[in-house]
N, C-alpha and C. Protein backbone atom coordinates (compact mmCIF):
# COMPACT_ATOMS: atom_id res chain seq x y z
N MET A 1 -3.84 68.24 9.29
CA MET A 1 -3.37 69.40 8.57
C MET A 1 -1.98 68.62 7.73
N ASP A 2 -1.34 69.54 7.64
CA ASP A 2 -0.36 68.88 5.65
C ASP A 2 0.28 68.95 6.87
N ALA A 3 1.34 66.85 6.32
CA ALA A 3 2.08 66.38 6.49
C ALA A 3 3.31 67.89 6.59
N LEU A 4 3.26 68.05 5.60
CA LEU A 4 4.54 69.14 6.33
C LEU A 4 4.84 71.02 6.95
N GLY A 5 3.21 70.03 7.24
CA GLY A 5 2.80 71.11 7.83
C GLY A 5 4.45 72.18 9.11
N PRO A 6 4.06 73.14 9.92
CA PRO A 6 4.87 73.75 10.20
C PRO A 6 5.57 72.76 11.91
N GLY A 7 4.63 71.72 12.18
CA GLY A 7 5.20 71.50 13.73
C GLY A 7 5.99 72.16 14.93
N ARG A 8 6.85 71.49 15.19
CA ARG A 8 8.55 72.05 15.70
C ARG A 8 9.30 72.41 15.72
N THR A 9 9.46 72.94 16.09
CA THR A 9 11.05 73.83 15.22
C THR A 9 12.28 73.55 16.11
N TYR A 10 13.53 73.11 15.05
CA TYR A 10 14.58 73.29 16.32
C TYR A 10 15.62 74.33 16.19
N LEU A 11 15.17 74.50 14.32
CA LEU A 11 16.58 75.98 14.14
C LEU A 11 15.35 76.59 12.27
N ARG A 12 15.84 77.96 13.29
CA ARG A 12 15.75 78.37 11.97
C ARG A 12 15.97 80.11 11.80
N ASP A 13 17.21 79.64 11.50
CA ASP A 13 18.89 81.10 10.63
C ASP A 13 19.21 80.79 9.60
N ARG A 14 19.68 81.55 9.05
CA ARG A 14 20.24 81.80 7.87
C ARG A 14 19.56 81.36 6.40
N GLY A 15 18.18 81.21 6.64
CA GLY A 15 17.54 79.94 5.71
C GLY A 15 17.76 78.41 5.57
N VAL A 16 17.66 78.60 6.95
CA VAL A 16 18.08 77.16 7.33
C VAL A 16 16.59 76.83 8.38
N HIS A 17 15.52 75.98 7.23
CA HIS A 17 15.29 75.93 8.65
C HIS A 17 14.52 73.96 9.10
N VAL A 18 14.82 73.53 10.35
CA VAL A 18 14.98 72.42 10.84
C VAL A 18 12.95 72.17 11.83
N THR A 19 12.61 71.47 11.24
CA THR A 19 11.62 71.29 12.02
C THR A 19 11.48 69.64 12.63
N ASP A 20 10.30 69.13 13.19
CA ASP A 20 10.68 67.98 13.22
C ASP A 20 9.81 67.04 11.87
N ARG A 21 9.16 68.20 10.64
CA ARG A 21 8.86 67.21 10.34
C ARG A 21 9.54 67.15 8.67
N TYR A 22 10.48 68.36 8.77
CA TYR A 22 10.53 69.02 7.75
C TYR A 22 12.03 69.64 7.84
N LEU A 23 13.40 69.45 6.65
CA LEU A 23 14.69 70.27 6.91
C LEU A 23 14.52 71.47 5.73
N ALA A 24 14.15 72.53 5.98
CA ALA A 24 14.32 73.44 4.41
C ALA A 24 15.25 74.34 4.39
N VAL A 25 15.73 74.24 2.75
CA VAL A 25 17.14 75.50 2.88
C VAL A 25 16.37 76.52 1.52
N ASP A 26 16.98 77.47 1.89
CA ASP A 26 16.75 78.15 0.47
C ASP A 26 16.04 77.48 -0.27
N GLY A 27 14.85 77.24 0.42
CA GLY A 27 13.62 76.90 -0.84
C GLY A 27 13.76 75.88 -1.06
N TYR A 28 14.21 74.92 -1.21
CA TYR A 28 14.44 73.53 -1.44
C TYR A 28 13.83 72.63 -0.04
N ARG A 29 13.19 71.80 0.29
CA ARG A 29 12.53 71.23 1.44
C ARG A 29 12.30 69.55 1.13
N TRP A 30 12.96 68.85 2.80
CA TRP A 30 12.98 67.18 2.67
C TRP A 30 12.67 66.77 3.31
N PRO A 31 11.58 66.42 4.00
CA PRO A 31 10.87 65.50 4.96
C PRO A 31 11.92 64.37 6.02
N ILE A 32 11.75 65.10 7.32
CA ILE A 32 12.67 64.17 7.45
C ILE A 32 12.61 62.45 7.07
N ALA A 33 11.75 61.57 7.53
CA ALA A 33 10.97 60.83 7.65
C ALA A 33 12.10 60.00 6.00
N ASP A 34 11.97 61.65 5.14
CA ASP A 34 13.41 60.35 3.90
C ASP A 34 14.21 60.76 3.94
N LEU A 35 14.50 61.56 4.67
CA LEU A 35 16.00 61.20 4.75
C LEU A 35 17.68 60.51 5.19
N THR A 36 18.31 59.94 5.08
CA THR A 36 18.83 58.81 5.87
C THR A 36 19.85 58.98 5.09
N GLU A 37 20.85 57.99 6.04
CA GLU A 37 22.64 58.27 6.48
C GLU A 37 22.86 59.09 5.98
N LEU A 38 23.08 60.51 6.67
CA LEU A 38 23.59 62.07 5.83
C LEU A 38 25.24 61.90 6.82
N TRP A 39 26.10 62.33 7.03
CA TRP A 39 27.18 62.95 6.33
C TRP A 39 27.42 63.75 5.53
N THR A 40 29.19 64.07 6.78
CA THR A 40 29.35 65.61 6.71
C THR A 40 30.28 65.35 5.76
N ALA A 41 30.84 66.34 5.06
CA ALA A 41 31.77 66.05 4.11
C ALA A 41 32.72 67.55 3.73
N ARG A 42 34.19 68.07 3.69
CA ARG A 42 34.94 68.96 3.19
C ARG A 42 35.65 68.93 1.51
N PRO A 43 35.03 69.51 0.96
CA PRO A 43 35.80 69.53 -0.08
C PRO A 43 37.27 70.03 -0.16
N VAL A 44 37.61 69.08 -1.30
CA VAL A 44 39.28 70.01 -1.87
C VAL A 44 38.17 71.52 -2.78
N ASP A 45 39.84 72.38 -1.82
CA ASP A 45 39.41 73.36 -2.37
C ASP A 45 41.13 73.87 -3.86
N ARG A 46 40.80 73.31 -4.79
CA ARG A 46 41.72 73.04 -5.48
C ARG A 46 42.35 74.53 -5.84
N LEU A 47 42.00 75.19 -6.12
CA LEU A 47 42.56 76.19 -6.05
C LEU A 47 43.71 76.55 -4.88
N ALA A 48 43.62 76.70 -3.38
CA ALA A 48 43.57 76.38 -2.13
C ALA A 48 45.47 75.39 -2.10
N ASP A 49 45.09 74.66 -2.78
CA ASP A 49 45.66 73.15 -2.57
C ASP A 49 46.86 73.34 -3.60
N ARG A 50 46.97 73.99 -5.15
CA ARG A 50 47.51 74.48 -6.45
C ARG A 50 48.82 75.71 -5.57
N ALA A 51 47.94 76.61 -4.88
CA ALA A 51 48.61 77.32 -4.10
C ALA A 51 49.91 76.58 -2.91
N THR A 52 49.28 76.02 -2.13
CA THR A 52 50.32 74.69 -1.54
C THR A 52 51.03 74.81 -2.36
N LEU A 53 51.01 73.59 -3.00
CA LEU A 53 52.17 73.23 -3.64
C LEU A 53 53.17 73.85 -4.24
N ASN A 54 52.37 75.34 -4.70
CA ASN A 54 53.24 76.23 -6.13
C ASN A 54 54.21 76.65 -4.92
N ALA A 55 54.16 77.14 -3.69
CA ALA A 55 55.18 77.30 -2.83
C ALA A 55 56.34 76.05 -2.64
N LEU A 56 55.03 74.78 -1.97
CA LEU A 56 56.04 73.72 -1.88
C LEU A 56 57.77 73.69 -3.11
N PHE A 57 57.00 73.82 -4.03
CA PHE A 57 58.17 73.53 -5.05
C PHE A 57 59.24 75.11 -5.52
N THR A 58 58.37 76.42 -4.89
CA THR A 58 59.28 77.12 -5.76
C THR A 58 59.95 77.84 -4.99
N ALA A 59 59.62 78.21 -3.50
CA ALA A 59 60.28 78.70 -2.43
C ALA A 59 61.64 77.84 -2.07
N PRO A 60 61.21 76.90 -1.72
CA PRO A 60 63.40 76.26 -2.11
C PRO A 60 64.28 76.14 -3.15
N LEU A 61 63.50 75.83 -3.99
CA LEU A 61 64.46 76.53 -5.66
C LEU A 61 65.01 77.38 -5.99
N ALA A 62 63.61 78.73 -5.82
CA ALA A 62 64.31 80.19 -5.29
C ALA A 62 65.18 79.88 -5.25
N LEU A 63 64.71 79.34 -3.25
CA LEU A 63 65.93 80.45 -2.35
C LEU A 63 68.15 79.31 -3.33
N ALA A 64 67.34 78.41 -3.39
CA ALA A 64 68.65 77.23 -4.00
C ALA A 64 69.12 78.19 -5.16
N LEU A 65 68.45 79.20 -5.79
CA LEU A 65 68.61 79.52 -6.77
C LEU A 65 69.58 81.08 -6.30
N MET A 66 70.04 81.48 -5.45
CA MET A 66 70.26 82.93 -5.12
C MET A 66 71.92 82.55 -5.33
N ALA A 67 72.68 81.12 -5.66
CA ALA A 67 73.82 81.21 -6.00
C ALA A 67 74.67 81.42 -7.72
N TRP A 68 73.21 82.05 -8.49
CA TRP A 68 73.33 81.79 -9.93
C TRP A 68 72.33 83.70 -10.21
N ALA A 69 71.46 83.60 -8.79
CA ALA A 69 70.31 84.90 -9.25
C ALA A 69 70.55 86.13 -8.20
N PRO A 70 70.41 87.27 -8.37
CA PRO A 70 70.00 88.02 -6.87
C PRO A 70 69.48 87.90 -5.41
N PRO A 71 70.06 87.36 -4.91
CA PRO A 71 69.40 87.15 -3.70
C PRO A 71 68.30 87.68 -3.00
N ALA A 72 67.69 89.38 -3.58
CA ALA A 72 67.06 89.98 -3.11
C ALA A 72 65.07 89.81 -3.87
N LEU A 73 66.16 88.67 -5.25
CA LEU A 73 64.88 88.48 -6.24
C LEU A 73 64.42 87.28 -5.81
N CYS A 74 65.77 86.13 -5.36
CA CYS A 74 65.15 84.87 -4.62
C CYS A 74 64.21 85.57 -4.03
N ILE A 75 64.64 85.34 -3.10
CA ILE A 75 63.51 85.73 -1.38
C ILE A 75 62.84 86.22 -1.78
N GLY A 76 62.02 87.66 -2.53
CA GLY A 76 60.89 88.30 -3.01
C GLY A 76 60.52 86.75 -3.71
N TYR A 77 60.91 86.35 -4.05
CA TYR A 77 60.20 85.00 -5.17
C TYR A 77 59.22 84.22 -4.29
N ALA A 78 59.88 83.32 -3.56
CA ALA A 78 59.84 82.62 -2.48
C ALA A 78 58.80 83.49 -1.23
N THR A 79 58.65 84.81 -1.32
CA THR A 79 57.80 85.02 -0.59
C THR A 79 56.46 84.91 -0.74
N VAL A 80 56.72 85.70 -1.87
CA VAL A 80 55.24 85.94 -2.98
C VAL A 80 54.84 84.46 -2.65
N ALA A 81 55.14 83.16 -3.10
CA ALA A 81 54.70 82.08 -3.75
C ALA A 81 54.06 81.69 -2.25
N VAL A 82 55.15 81.64 -1.36
CA VAL A 82 54.73 81.47 0.18
C VAL A 82 52.83 82.66 0.62
N THR A 83 53.35 83.53 0.31
CA THR A 83 52.39 84.34 0.94
C THR A 83 50.53 84.04 0.10
N ALA A 84 50.75 83.67 -1.28
CA ALA A 84 50.19 83.08 -1.88
C ALA A 84 49.08 81.93 -1.89
N ALA A 85 50.11 81.48 -0.62
CA ALA A 85 49.41 79.55 -0.31
C ALA A 85 48.68 80.03 0.84
N VAL A 86 49.27 80.85 2.07
CA VAL A 86 48.24 81.05 2.87
C VAL A 86 47.71 82.75 2.51
N VAL A 87 47.60 82.56 1.81
CA VAL A 87 45.97 83.83 2.02
C VAL A 87 45.69 83.30 1.38
N ALA A 88 45.14 82.21 0.44
CA ALA A 88 44.80 81.36 -0.58
C ALA A 88 43.65 80.74 0.18
N HIS A 89 44.49 80.07 1.49
CA HIS A 89 42.78 79.08 2.54
C HIS A 89 42.86 80.11 3.89
N ARG A 90 43.38 81.23 3.69
CA ARG A 90 42.55 81.79 4.71
C ARG A 90 41.60 82.18 3.48
N ALA A 91 41.68 83.01 2.31
CA ALA A 91 40.73 83.90 2.40
C ALA A 91 39.55 82.35 1.54
N ARG A 92 39.75 81.15 1.53
CA ARG A 92 39.09 80.38 1.34
C ARG A 92 38.81 79.01 1.67
N PRO A 93 37.58 78.95 3.14
CA PRO A 93 37.91 77.92 4.52
C PRO A 93 37.50 77.04 3.16
N LYS A 94 38.06 75.53 3.74
CA LYS A 94 36.62 74.76 2.98
C LYS A 94 35.73 75.16 4.08
N PRO A 95 34.64 74.16 2.72
CA PRO A 95 33.03 74.44 3.52
C PRO A 95 32.74 72.85 3.89
N TYR A 96 31.80 73.02 5.19
CA TYR A 96 31.53 72.27 5.85
C TYR A 96 30.55 71.44 4.57
N GLU A 97 30.38 70.69 4.87
CA GLU A 97 28.48 70.05 3.54
C GLU A 97 27.97 68.86 4.36
N MET A 98 26.71 69.11 4.06
CA MET A 98 25.84 67.93 4.70
C MET A 98 25.43 67.61 3.49
N TRP A 99 25.48 65.82 3.76
CA TRP A 99 25.14 65.48 2.56
C TRP A 99 23.70 64.23 3.82
N GLY A 100 22.82 63.29 2.55
CA GLY A 100 22.25 62.70 2.84
C GLY A 100 21.39 61.89 1.73
N ALA A 101 20.74 60.70 1.77
CA ALA A 101 20.18 59.73 0.73
C ALA A 101 18.62 60.77 1.17
N TYR A 102 18.22 60.88 -0.16
CA TYR A 102 16.44 61.06 -0.14
C TYR A 102 15.98 60.47 -0.80
N LEU A 103 15.24 59.85 -0.18
CA LEU A 103 14.56 58.79 -1.50
C LEU A 103 15.10 57.96 -2.38
N GLY A 104 16.83 57.04 -1.48
CA GLY A 104 17.48 56.36 -2.26
C GLY A 104 18.67 57.42 -3.36
N THR A 105 17.94 58.98 -3.25
CA THR A 105 19.49 59.38 -4.22
C THR A 105 20.42 60.19 -3.47
N ARG A 106 21.65 60.70 -3.38
CA ARG A 106 22.00 60.69 -2.54
C ARG A 106 22.59 62.87 -3.06
N VAL A 107 21.70 63.68 -1.90
CA VAL A 107 21.73 65.05 -2.12
C VAL A 107 22.57 65.96 -1.04
N LEU A 108 23.38 67.24 -1.98
CA LEU A 108 23.75 68.01 -0.21
C LEU A 108 22.51 68.95 0.06
N LEU A 109 22.66 68.19 1.20
CA LEU A 109 21.34 69.30 2.36
C LEU A 109 21.73 70.62 2.50
N PHE A 110 22.97 70.60 2.66
CA PHE A 110 23.34 72.40 2.78
C PHE A 110 25.50 72.38 3.23
N ARG A 111 25.35 73.83 2.90
CA ARG A 111 26.71 74.15 2.74
C ARG A 111 27.17 75.34 3.67
N THR A 112 27.65 75.15 3.84
CA THR A 112 28.73 76.72 4.68
C THR A 112 29.85 76.59 5.90
N THR A 113 30.46 77.97 5.46
CA THR A 113 32.38 78.17 5.61
C THR A 113 32.35 77.95 7.19
N ASP A 114 31.45 77.92 8.34
CA ASP A 114 30.80 78.74 9.63
C ASP A 114 30.67 77.42 10.68
N GLN A 115 31.90 76.65 10.83
CA GLN A 115 31.44 75.16 11.60
C GLN A 115 31.10 76.06 12.98
N SER A 116 30.61 76.76 13.46
CA SER A 116 29.68 77.32 14.97
C SER A 116 28.03 77.11 14.20
N PHE A 117 27.74 77.59 12.94
CA PHE A 117 26.25 77.01 12.37
C PHE A 117 26.55 75.59 11.97
N TYR A 118 27.14 74.98 10.95
CA TYR A 118 27.47 73.58 11.45
C TYR A 118 26.96 72.80 11.73
N GLY A 119 27.85 72.84 13.45
CA GLY A 119 27.02 72.08 13.77
C GLY A 119 25.90 72.39 15.14
N ARG A 120 25.10 73.68 14.59
CA ARG A 120 23.41 73.44 15.35
C ARG A 120 23.13 73.05 14.40
N VAL A 121 23.46 73.65 13.15
CA VAL A 121 22.10 72.56 12.45
C VAL A 121 22.54 71.32 12.17
N SER A 122 23.33 70.73 12.47
CA SER A 122 24.01 68.75 12.89
C SER A 122 23.22 68.70 14.04
N ARG A 123 23.10 69.65 15.10
CA ARG A 123 22.09 68.78 15.97
C ARG A 123 20.68 69.07 16.07
N ALA A 124 20.23 70.64 15.51
CA ALA A 124 19.12 69.83 15.23
C ALA A 124 18.39 69.13 13.91
N LEU A 125 19.19 68.96 13.61
CA LEU A 125 18.77 67.72 12.42
C LEU A 125 18.66 66.51 13.13
N VAL A 126 19.56 65.86 13.94
CA VAL A 126 19.87 65.35 14.65
C VAL A 126 18.39 65.17 15.86
N ARG A 127 18.13 66.10 16.58
CA ARG A 127 16.32 66.07 17.46
C ARG A 127 15.89 65.57 16.40
N ALA A 128 15.32 66.44 15.40
CA ALA A 128 14.25 66.09 14.61
C ALA A 128 14.39 65.49 14.69
N ARG A 129 15.12 64.25 14.30
CA ARG A 129 15.17 62.33 13.42
C ARG A 129 15.14 61.92 14.56
N GLU A 130 15.65 62.26 16.08
CA GLU A 130 15.40 61.57 17.29
C GLU A 130 13.58 61.64 17.41
N ARG A 131 13.25 62.49 17.47
CA ARG A 131 11.73 63.27 17.55
C ARG A 131 10.81 62.29 16.56
N ALA A 132 11.35 62.35 14.82
CA ALA A 132 10.18 61.30 14.29
C ALA A 132 10.21 60.30 14.19
N THR A 133 11.54 59.55 14.89
CA THR A 133 11.78 57.77 15.05
C THR A 133 11.24 57.55 16.34
N PRO A 134 10.34 56.99 16.42
CA PRO A 134 9.06 56.66 17.38
C PRO A 134 10.39 55.33 17.63
N SER A 135 10.24 55.73 19.65
CA SER A 135 10.69 54.64 20.42
C SER A 135 9.89 53.61 20.79
């Protein structure tokens, strides 16, 4: 039988397939035995962070300018800045990324914004690696 044949399946969902022999994600396949140093990353969303910084600086400034500008304009501007920051963080949640070393090279194995699904994939990989490693 092929070394990367079917094997025991731990997870098969949303384009991710984890067996005791390999991890396959959207057409890419990595043998479990060759994956080492798995880790999680939560990359920064620069757009959401810039919207937050904008709100932190412009909202108080707009409220301070109420003495010289129409209050409705200042409050409106502050509201828009804060709303943009909230929408940016809600609409663009930070993804969960699983990275690993494959034959000595760092590779992005999997990425999702669904925390529950990420946990399922992580647990399936842990079980597959435990079974692939003889005790």
